[in-house]
């Protein structure tokens, strides 16, 4: 992150997530330039729902993909227009549905027949015709590693082969209007080719559903999966041919009369917010044990569960930087641990870093997404990490 220094970190005093408005805007621009001009972008609030970050993205013209009543409230406070908000998630509370219906958002993404019936019931009570999209669990997708996956059971969406039942029940719902379709199959994809394959399979699933549609759609969300490189040896996502691939996909889609006027979207949280944030933790102590050197940091598991390896199959270290009061270029192999009495509070294992002393800082990169929003901030009652913007330091 540009303009970061030891002196600026010292003003923080406690572990902090630092975000950059400049990088955030640059990531939106990079994604937008990889898409056909006609396509829109939804930002997935689950990646990071910080209100100031949301306001920056609103000013960049992206839509809001929210997944809880509090995320919806943040989006509304951040001045996202109701027609630029969609609400996803398989377990929306009645409170959340009532707020979404009352706010007349662009689409509530329906993920089960029971949810459809509840939306219709509330909408009938409120005398509102509610716009909905159907999330579909497709028959085929491609994993982040390139493996073809046949249809699998999922808590997300309605199985593609259950669509006829869904549409039959939909016809009996007087206070909902189907305005869109939504498919999301994979996350953290670092291959442009695999992204293109998934979008092609997603569109194939949508085209198969068109036989059930009696009215044109307003919107189609093709999902996302845009990944970022967390670990040494990972390469950044290259999307050089994605635009042309999507142009071909949309050209085929427009042949269907019900899709001719639809607005097509992708969604992203990780790609947009991840590179725009770092997690900074100060060095508290160093120690030796059985020939291994440990560096104890002021923050760890309760602030950043992902850096500690939760969700990884094979443990790998995040990319890191160090900021030192007195520069020491001699390298040592260390294990970075957090301050808690919990063995999983380990942020990096056998990592080669400049020799650290008390008062130095360690920076973990690509923590703008699934950092603060993903972590058990109340664990052991540690004070939560601060969230600041580099522009304010």
Protein backbone atom coordinates (compact mmCIF):
# COMPACT_ATOMS: atom_id res chain seq x y z
CA UNK A 1 0.00 0.00 0.00
CA UNK A 2 1.46 3.33 -1.08
CA UNK A 3 2.33 6.07 1.42
CA UNK A 4 2.53 3.67 4.37
CA UNK A 5 5.44 4.16 6.77
CA UNK A 6 6.62 3.17 10.25
CA UNK A 7 5.82 6.66 11.47
CA UNK A 8 2.22 6.44 10.26
CA UNK A 9 1.80 2.99 11.79
CA UNK A 10 3.03 4.30 15.13
CA UNK A 11 0.07 6.68 15.24
CA UNK A 12 -2.26 3.66 15.26
CA UNK A 13 -0.94 2.06 18.46
CA UNK A 14 -3.27 -0.96 18.14
CA UNK A 15 -3.89 -3.59 15.44
CA UNK A 16 -5.69 -1.98 12.53
CA UNK A 17 -7.24 -2.67 9.16
CA UNK A 18 -6.06 0.05 6.81
CA UNK A 19 -8.08 0.68 3.66
CA UNK A 20 -7.26 2.77 0.62
CA UNK A 21 -9.89 4.70 -1.33
CA UNK A 22 -7.43 5.02 -4.21
CA UNK A 23 -6.90 1.24 -4.51
CA UNK A 24 -10.61 0.59 -4.08
CA UNK A 25 -11.44 2.83 -7.03
CA UNK A 26 -8.60 1.29 -9.06
CA UNK A 27 -9.99 -2.22 -8.50
CA UNK A 28 -13.44 -1.16 -9.68
CA UNK A 29 -11.84 0.37 -12.76
CA UNK A 30 -9.81 -2.78 -13.48
CA UNK A 31 -12.89 -4.97 -13.24
CA UNK A 32 -15.02 -2.64 -15.30
CA UNK A 33 -12.38 -2.50 -18.06
CA UNK A 34 -12.46 -6.32 -18.26
CA UNK A 35 -16.20 -6.40 -18.94
CA UNK A 36 -18.39 -5.39 -21.88
CA UNK A 37 -19.53 -1.80 -21.45
CA UNK A 38 -23.17 -2.85 -21.09
CA UNK A 39 -22.51 -5.05 -18.05
CA UNK A 40 -23.04 -3.81 -14.49
CA UNK A 41 -21.27 -4.73 -11.25
CA UNK A 42 -22.71 -5.64 -7.87
CA UNK A 43 -20.39 -5.32 -4.87
CA UNK A 44 -20.83 -8.17 -2.36
CA UNK A 45 -21.17 -6.52 1.04
CA UNK A 46 -20.27 -9.74 2.86
CA UNK A 47 -16.64 -9.13 1.86
CA UNK A 48 -16.51 -5.84 3.78
CA UNK A 49 -19.53 -3.77 4.81
CA UNK A 50 -17.65 -0.78 6.28
CA UNK A 51 -19.91 2.20 5.63
CA UNK A 52 -17.25 4.56 4.29
CA UNK A 53 -16.01 1.86 1.92
CA UNK A 54 -19.61 1.36 0.78
CA UNK A 55 -19.96 5.10 0.13
CA UNK A 56 -16.83 5.07 -2.06
CA UNK A 57 -18.23 2.19 -4.10
CA UNK A 58 -21.62 3.87 -4.39
CA UNK A 59 -19.87 6.91 -5.85
CA UNK A 60 -18.19 4.59 -8.37
CA UNK A 61 -21.57 3.50 -9.69
CA UNK A 62 -21.59 -0.14 -8.60
CA UNK A 63 -24.66 -1.84 -7.16
CA UNK A 64 -25.02 -3.41 -3.71
CA UNK A 65 -25.38 -7.13 -3.13
CA UNK A 66 -26.41 -7.49 0.52
CA UNK A 67 -27.02 -10.63 2.57
CA UNK A 68 -28.40 -9.44 5.93
CA UNK A 69 -30.71 -6.81 7.34
CA UNK A 70 -27.73 -4.86 8.72
CA UNK A 71 -25.93 -4.92 5.36
CA UNK A 72 -29.12 -3.63 3.77
CA UNK A 73 -29.24 -0.80 6.33
CA UNK A 74 -25.60 0.09 5.59
CA UNK A 75 -26.32 0.16 1.84
CA UNK A 76 -29.27 2.48 2.37
CA UNK A 77 -27.24 4.76 4.69
CA UNK A 78 -24.47 4.81 2.07
CA UNK A 79 -27.06 6.22 -0.33
CA UNK A 80 -27.31 3.29 -2.70
CA UNK A 81 -30.57 3.79 -4.57
CA UNK A 82 -33.11 1.06 -3.86
CA UNK A 83 -33.11 0.11 -7.54
CA UNK A 84 -29.37 -0.63 -7.27
CA UNK A 85 -29.67 -3.13 -4.39
CA UNK A 86 -30.22 -6.89 -4.52
CA UNK A 87 -30.65 -9.10 -1.44
CA UNK A 88 -29.18 -12.60 -1.47
CA UNK A 89 -28.85 -15.43 1.05
CA UNK A 90 -30.79 -18.62 1.82
CA UNK A 91 -31.93 -17.58 5.31
CA UNK A 92 -33.30 -14.03 5.23
CA UNK A 93 -35.17 -13.12 8.40
CA UNK A 94 -38.73 -11.80 8.26
CA UNK A 95 -37.41 -8.45 9.55
CA UNK A 96 -34.96 -8.33 6.65
CA UNK A 97 -37.62 -9.25 4.09
CA UNK A 98 -40.00 -6.60 5.41
CA UNK A 99 -37.33 -3.89 5.14
CA UNK A 100 -36.36 -5.05 1.62
CA UNK A 101 -39.98 -5.15 0.49
CA UNK A 102 -40.80 -1.78 2.05
CA UNK A 103 -37.64 -0.25 0.49
CA UNK A 104 -38.66 -1.58 -2.95
CA UNK A 105 -35.15 -2.77 -3.77
CA UNK A 106 -34.31 -3.98 -7.27
CA UNK A 107 -34.59 -7.64 -6.38
CA UNK A 108 -34.90 -10.05 -3.50
CA UNK A 109 -33.04 -13.15 -4.66
CA UNK A 110 -35.26 -16.11 -3.77
CA UNK A 111 -33.53 -19.35 -2.81
CA UNK A 112 -36.40 -21.68 -1.83
CA UNK A 113 -40.12 -22.19 -2.38
CA UNK A 114 -40.83 -21.42 1.29
CA UNK A 115 -39.05 -18.09 0.98
CA UNK A 116 -41.10 -17.29 -2.13
CA UNK A 117 -44.33 -17.96 -0.23
CA UNK A 118 -43.26 -15.81 2.74
CA UNK A 119 -42.34 -12.90 0.46
CA UNK A 120 -45.71 -13.17 -1.24
CA UNK A 121 -47.48 -13.28 2.14
CA UNK A 122 -45.70 -10.16 3.45
CA UNK A 123 -46.13 -8.34 0.14
CA UNK A 124 -49.86 -9.11 0.13
CA UNK A 125 -50.14 -7.75 3.67
CA UNK A 126 -48.26 -4.56 2.68
CA UNK A 127 -50.13 -4.25 -0.64
CA UNK A 128 -46.82 -4.15 -2.56
CA UNK A 129 -45.82 -6.12 -5.64
CA UNK A 130 -42.26 -7.20 -4.84
CA UNK A 131 -39.54 -7.71 -7.45
CA UNK A 132 -37.70 -11.00 -7.07
CA UNK A 133 -34.99 -12.98 -8.81
CA UNK A 134 -34.58 -16.75 -8.73
CA UNK A 135 -31.20 -18.09 -7.70
CA UNK A 136 -30.48 -21.33 -9.52
CA UNK A 137 -28.18 -24.15 -8.43
CA UNK A 138 -26.88 -25.16 -11.88
CA UNK A 139 -26.39 -28.66 -13.19
CA UNK A 140 -22.74 -28.08 -14.12
CA UNK A 141 -19.92 -25.75 -13.08
CA UNK A 142 -16.12 -25.61 -13.06
CA UNK A 143 -14.19 -25.45 -9.78
CA UNK A 144 -11.50 -22.87 -9.07
CA UNK A 145 -8.92 -25.52 -9.99
CA UNK A 146 -10.57 -26.33 -13.32
CA UNK A 147 -12.40 -29.54 -12.35
CA UNK A 148 -15.85 -30.01 -13.88
CA UNK A 149 -18.48 -30.39 -11.18
CA UNK A 150 -21.83 -32.06 -11.80
CA UNK A 151 -24.83 -30.76 -9.87
CA UNK A 152 -24.35 -30.97 -6.12
CA UNK A 153 -26.64 -30.51 -3.15
CA UNK A 154 -26.51 -26.95 -1.86
CA UNK A 155 -28.16 -24.65 0.64
CA UNK A 156 -27.97 -21.98 -2.06
CA UNK A 157 -30.66 -21.48 -4.66
CA UNK A 158 -33.20 -23.81 -6.23
CA UNK A 159 -31.85 -26.87 -8.04
CA UNK A 160 -32.16 -26.50 -11.78
CA UNK A 161 -34.29 -29.65 -12.04
CA UNK A 162 -36.68 -28.22 -9.39
CA UNK A 163 -37.34 -25.11 -11.47
CA UNK A 164 -40.64 -26.38 -12.99
CA UNK A 165 -42.11 -26.80 -9.49
CA UNK A 166 -40.90 -23.32 -8.50
CA UNK A 167 -42.44 -21.67 -11.56
CA UNK A 168 -45.73 -23.50 -11.05
CA UNK A 169 -45.98 -22.09 -7.51
CA UNK A 170 -44.82 -18.66 -8.67
CA UNK A 171 -47.86 -18.42 -10.97
CA UNK A 172 -50.11 -18.56 -7.87
CA UNK A 173 -48.26 -15.70 -6.10
CA UNK A 174 -50.17 -12.50 -6.78
CA UNK A 175 -47.81 -10.02 -5.10
CA UNK A 176 -44.41 -10.94 -6.51
CA UNK A 177 -42.93 -10.27 -9.92
CA UNK A 178 -40.01 -12.27 -11.31
CA UNK A 179 -37.55 -9.71 -12.71
CA UNK A 180 -34.30 -11.67 -12.77
CA UNK A 181 -32.21 -14.81 -12.55
CA UNK A 182 -29.07 -15.30 -10.48
CA UNK A 183 -26.37 -17.99 -10.59
CA UNK A 184 -23.17 -18.10 -8.51
CA UNK A 185 -21.08 -21.26 -8.64
CA UNK A 186 -17.45 -20.67 -7.52
CA UNK A 187 -15.23 -18.29 -5.55
CA UNK A 188 -11.54 -17.31 -5.60
CA UNK A 189 -10.82 -18.16 -9.24
CA UNK A 190 -7.36 -17.10 -10.42
CA UNK A 191 -7.67 -18.33 -14.00
CA UNK A 192 -9.33 -16.17 -16.64
CA UNK A 193 -10.05 -19.29 -18.70
CA UNK A 194 -11.92 -20.95 -15.81
CA UNK A 195 -13.91 -17.75 -15.25
CA UNK A 196 -14.94 -17.76 -18.90
CA UNK A 197 -15.94 -21.44 -18.72
CA UNK A 198 -18.08 -20.79 -15.66
CA UNK A 199 -19.83 -17.81 -17.22
CA UNK A 200 -20.57 -19.90 -20.33
CA UNK A 201 -22.03 -22.72 -18.19
CA UNK A 202 -24.02 -20.19 -16.16
CA UNK A 203 -25.53 -18.71 -19.29
CA UNK A 204 -26.34 -22.19 -20.59
CA UNK A 205 -28.30 -22.85 -17.38
CA UNK A 206 -30.13 -19.53 -17.72
CA UNK A 207 -31.04 -20.26 -21.32
CA UNK A 208 -32.49 -23.62 -20.29
CA UNK A 209 -34.73 -21.80 -17.80
CA UNK A 210 -36.08 -19.40 -20.41
CA UNK A 211 -38.70 -21.95 -21.48
CA UNK A 212 -40.45 -21.30 -18.15
CA UNK A 213 -40.54 -17.51 -18.53
CA UNK A 214 -43.65 -15.75 -19.73
CA UNK A 215 -42.40 -12.16 -19.42
CA UNK A 216 -39.09 -10.42 -20.23
CA UNK A 217 -36.52 -10.15 -17.44
CA UNK A 218 -35.03 -6.91 -16.19
CA UNK A 219 -31.75 -8.33 -14.85
CA UNK A 220 -29.48 -11.38 -14.90
CA UNK A 221 -26.66 -11.84 -12.37
CA UNK A 222 -24.00 -14.18 -13.77
CA UNK A 223 -22.14 -14.39 -10.45
CA UNK A 224 -18.41 -13.88 -10.16
CA UNK A 225 -15.54 -15.69 -8.51
CA UNK A 226 -12.85 -13.09 -9.31
CA UNK A 227 -9.86 -14.11 -7.18
CA UNK A 228 -6.81 -12.37 -5.73
CA UNK A 229 -3.32 -13.78 -4.94
CA UNK A 230 -2.98 -14.22 -1.18
CA UNK A 231 0.18 -16.35 -1.04
CA UNK A 232 3.69 -16.34 -2.48
CA UNK A 233 3.72 -18.14 -5.81
CA UNK A 234 0.16 -17.21 -6.73
CA UNK A 235 -0.28 -15.07 -9.82
CA UNK A 236 -2.79 -12.29 -10.25
CA UNK A 237 -5.96 -13.02 -12.21
CA UNK A 238 -5.46 -12.25 -15.91
CA UNK A 239 -8.67 -11.27 -17.69
CA UNK A 240 -7.32 -10.27 -21.10
CA UNK A 241 -9.88 -12.27 -23.08
CA UNK A 242 -12.80 -12.08 -20.65
CA UNK A 243 -14.47 -9.11 -22.34
CA UNK A 244 -14.57 -10.77 -25.76
CA UNK A 245 -15.80 -14.04 -24.22
CA UNK A 246 -18.62 -12.23 -22.43
CA UNK A 247 -19.57 -10.33 -25.59
CA UNK A 248 -20.10 -13.69 -27.33
CA UNK A 249 -22.07 -15.04 -24.35
CA UNK A 250 -24.34 -11.98 -24.27
CA UNK A 251 -24.82 -12.06 -28.04
CA UNK A 252 -26.23 -15.59 -27.74
CA UNK A 253 -28.37 -14.57 -24.77
CA UNK A 254 -29.97 -11.69 -26.68
CA UNK A 255 -31.43 -14.20 -29.16
CA UNK A 256 -33.92 -15.12 -26.44
CA UNK A 257 -36.80 -12.64 -26.51
CA UNK A 258 -37.13 -12.65 -22.69
CA UNK A 259 -33.47 -11.59 -22.33
CA UNK A 260 -33.28 -8.94 -25.04
CA UNK A 261 -33.88 -6.02 -22.67
CA UNK A 262 -32.26 -7.50 -19.56
CA UNK A 263 -29.32 -5.82 -17.83
CA UNK A 264 -26.49 -8.30 -17.17
CA UNK A 265 -24.33 -8.14 -14.06
CA UNK A 266 -21.35 -9.77 -12.41
CA UNK A 267 -20.69 -9.59 -8.69
CA UNK A 268 -17.48 -9.21 -6.74
CA UNK A 269 -16.42 -8.58 -3.17
CA UNK A 270 -12.97 -10.10 -2.82
CA UNK A 271 -11.47 -8.68 -6.04
CA UNK A 272 -12.76 -5.16 -5.37
CA UNK A 273 -12.05 -4.82 -1.64
CA UNK A 274 -9.27 -7.33 -0.97
CA UNK A 275 -6.29 -5.44 -2.43
CA UNK A 276 -7.65 -2.20 -0.95
CA UNK A 277 -6.86 -3.25 2.61
CA UNK A 278 -4.05 -4.54 4.82
CA UNK A 279 -4.02 -5.79 8.39
CA UNK A 280 -1.33 -4.19 10.54
CA UNK A 281 -0.21 -5.66 13.89
CA UNK A 282 2.61 -4.48 16.17
CA UNK A 283 5.33 -6.75 17.55
CA UNK A 284 4.88 -7.28 21.30
CA UNK A 285 7.60 -9.85 22.11
CA UNK A 286 10.06 -12.28 20.55
CA UNK A 287 11.09 -15.62 22.06
CA UNK A 288 12.87 -18.91 21.37
CA UNK A 289 11.45 -22.41 21.92
CA UNK A 290 13.21 -25.65 20.97
CA UNK A 291 15.26 -23.91 18.35
CA UNK A 292 12.31 -22.06 16.79
CA UNK A 293 11.90 -18.29 16.92
CA UNK A 294 8.45 -16.89 17.69
CA UNK A 295 7.26 -13.33 17.21
CA UNK A 296 4.20 -12.45 19.28
CA UNK A 297 2.00 -9.84 17.64
CA UNK A 298 -0.61 -7.59 19.21
CA UNK A 299 -3.38 -9.06 17.05
CA UNK A 300 -4.26 -12.35 15.47
CA UNK A 301 -7.11 -14.86 15.35
CA UNK A 302 -9.85 -12.69 16.82
CA UNK A 303 -9.08 -9.92 14.32
CA UNK A 304 -8.14 -11.91 11.23
CA UNK A 305 -9.25 -15.52 11.17
CA UNK A 306 -8.37 -15.95 7.49
CA UNK A 307 -4.69 -15.04 7.96
CA UNK A 308 -4.58 -17.71 10.68
CA UNK A 309 -5.50 -20.33 8.08
CA UNK A 310 -9.22 -20.84 8.65
CA UNK A 311 -10.69 -22.01 5.35
CA UNK A 312 -7.37 -23.24 3.94
CA UNK A 313 -6.91 -26.90 3.05
CA UNK A 314 -3.12 -26.60 3.03
CA UNK A 315 -1.72 -23.97 5.38
CA UNK A 316 0.05 -21.15 3.53
CA UNK A 317 1.37 -17.79 4.67
CA UNK A 318 -0.16 -14.53 3.49
CA UNK A 319 2.12 -12.08 1.72
CA UNK A 320 3.65 -9.80 4.34
CA UNK A 321 5.71 -6.65 4.78
CA UNK A 322 7.57 -5.35 7.82
CA UNK A 323 8.03 -1.76 8.99
CA UNK A 324 10.84 -1.20 11.47
CA UNK A 325 11.96 1.64 13.67
CA UNK A 326 15.58 0.70 12.95
CA UNK A 327 15.99 -1.14 9.67
CA UNK A 328 17.57 -4.58 10.03
CA UNK A 329 18.00 -6.44 6.75
CA UNK A 330 19.32 -9.66 8.30
CA UNK A 331 16.79 -12.42 7.70
CA UNK A 332 15.49 -14.92 10.22
CA UNK A 333 12.92 -17.68 10.00
CA UNK A 334 10.06 -17.01 12.40
CA UNK A 335 6.58 -18.12 13.32
CA UNK A 336 4.18 -15.22 13.82
CA UNK A 337 1.60 -15.75 16.56
CA UNK A 338 -1.15 -13.69 18.09
CA UNK A 339 -1.64 -12.69 21.72
CA UNK A 340 -4.27 -15.27 22.75
CA UNK A 341 -4.06 -18.54 24.68
CA UNK A 342 -5.22 -20.48 21.60
CA UNK A 343 -2.99 -22.73 19.50
CA UNK A 344 -4.70 -21.71 16.25
CA UNK A 345 -3.72 -18.10 16.87
CA UNK A 346 -0.85 -18.48 14.41
CA UNK A 347 -0.55 -16.01 11.55
CA UNK A 348 2.47 -17.42 9.69
CA UNK A 349 4.75 -20.45 10.03
CA UNK A 350 8.47 -20.61 9.16
CA UNK A 351 8.43 -17.27 7.38
CA UNK A 352 11.67 -15.53 6.40
CA UNK A 353 11.54 -11.90 7.58
CA UNK A 354 13.88 -9.13 8.57
CA UNK A 355 14.83 -9.47 12.23
CA UNK A 356 11.96 -8.04 14.27
CA UNK A 357 11.99 -6.40 17.68
CA UNK A 358 9.34 -5.03 20.00
CA UNK A 359 7.63 -2.01 18.45
CA UNK A 360 8.08 -3.06 14.81
CA UNK A 361 5.01 -3.71 12.66
CA UNK A 362 3.96 -6.60 10.42
CA UNK A 363 1.58 -5.94 7.52
CA UNK A 364 -0.55 -8.68 5.95
CA UNK A 365 -1.62 -7.88 2.39
CA UNK A 366 -4.97 -8.37 0.62
CA UNK A 367 -7.01 -8.13 3.82
CA UNK A 368 -9.60 -5.64 2.65
CA UNK A 369 -12.09 -8.46 2.14
CA UNK A 370 -13.07 -11.27 4.52
CA UNK A 371 -10.93 -9.74 7.26
CA UNK A 372 -12.82 -7.79 9.88
CA UNK A 373 -16.15 -9.00 8.47
CA UNK A 374 -15.07 -12.66 8.72
CA UNK A 375 -13.47 -12.76 12.17
CA UNK A 376 -14.66 -13.47 15.76
CA UNK A 377 -14.00 -10.00 17.15
CA UNK A 378 -15.44 -10.94 20.58
CA UNK A 379 -13.16 -13.96 21.05
CA UNK A 380 -11.40 -13.71 24.45
CA UNK A 381 -12.82 -10.19 24.76
CA UNK A 382 -9.83 -8.58 23.05
CA UNK A 383 -10.46 -5.04 21.87
CA UNK A 384 -11.58 -5.14 18.22
CA UNK A 385 -9.20 -4.05 15.51
CA UNK A 386 -9.51 -0.48 14.34
CA UNK A 387 -10.64 0.19 10.77
CA UNK A 388 -9.04 3.28 9.25
CA UNK A 389 -8.29 4.77 5.84
CA UNK A 390 -4.73 5.46 4.76
CA UNK A 391 -5.88 8.82 3.41
CA UNK A 392 -6.57 9.93 6.99
CA UNK A 393 -3.11 9.14 8.42
